[in-house]
Amino acid sequence: MVNIEKLREEAISSIESCETISDLSKLRISLLGKKGSIQGLMVQMKNLSNEEKPKFGQVVNSLKQEISNLIDEKNSLLQEKELLEKLEEEKIDITLPGYSYNLGTTHPLMMIKEEIEDLFIGLGYQIVEGPEVELDFYNFERANIPAGHPARDMQDTFYIDVETLLRTHTTAIQMRVLEKEANNLPIKVICPGKVYRRDDDDATHSHQFMQAEGLLVGENITLSDLKGTLDIMAKAMFGKTRNIRIRPSYFQFTEPSIEVDVSCHMCDGVGCPVCKGTGYIEILGAGMVHPNVLEMANIDSKKYTGFAFGVGIERIAMLRYGIDDIRNFYVNDVRFLNMFNKGE
């Protein structure tokens, strides 16, 4: 019994002196574990008489329960202490001034692209994208530009191999749509994306630029439908007072083909240096989808007609914002980009 009391006092002292949960855990094992000192007392029972064994067992179990409770209480205190120390280390001084972050803005080309998409979604069109690394088959063949056609020289191309290239126009997306949706007419899509041509970069040319092309195919689609659609787009992009005029042109995948001009936003059609005295500025090419293009997609050109148009997104942005060098869009000059921060 003397040994039990001595062990009790030592255990209590050790518990009180523990400073960490880890040390307390080790102490619990040394006292209460299977090979611990308190459990070791039970070995002495074999030396006791039958009358002494019950009382001895009762005392040992009482000690075990007492030590276990003291360890649990100490563990709770140490957990609370560690939490308070952690809170003290990680506390935030809310009186300190906050950090100032430089917020970005939507790129002007993306602003124009999204504006065009929103306009045509409102007119019932779907947005369709396609691969920038394209097959010659969709970029040229299906667009009525066979091998050896002079029009290929007009679009000096980045070829990857004989059959693969960087697309020169988003017309390639339209060709894929015609093939895929030939049995699901009418088709109404707008196809935005990057295109690539081997141009020397200067103020008005870039080897990479963006286009947005529109395509509508169905029954009884006429040139007047195209004109009305382009008039809506011109007014949305350049102002409600803008007018358009159309001129005959030539594109391989449309027949007839037209060039579209919009009345100058600087002089309102009177004539100025911006429009070179003509009162109008060229903005895009368009036309009725060539019957050959429809037939190659297994669409009956005698029953169905359609129109297509393509506009350069940089072209619209330069006219809208008075930008005189296309390279400004691609040099990532923060001063230039901040001019389009809608938040300021």
Foldseek 3Di string as FASTA:
>chain_A
DVVLVVVLVVLLVLLVPDQAPVSLVVSCCQDPNCPHPLVVVLVCLVVDDPVVNVVSVVSSVVSNVVSVVSSVVSNVVNVVVVVVVVCVVPPDDPVDDDDDDDDFADFLLVVLVVLVVVVVVVVVAAEDEDDQWDFCCLQAVLLQHDPPRPVCVVFAFAAPDPTIGGRAAQSSVVLVCLLVCLVPDFHWYKYKDKGAGPDDFDQPDDRIFMKIKIKTKDFPDDVVNVLVVVQVVCCSLQNVLKDKDWDFDDDSFAPGKIWMWIFQSVPCQCADVVCNGRRIDTWWIKHKGDCSSNVVSVHHSVGMIMMMIMGTSLSSSCRRPVRRGSCVSPPPDRVVSVVPHPVD
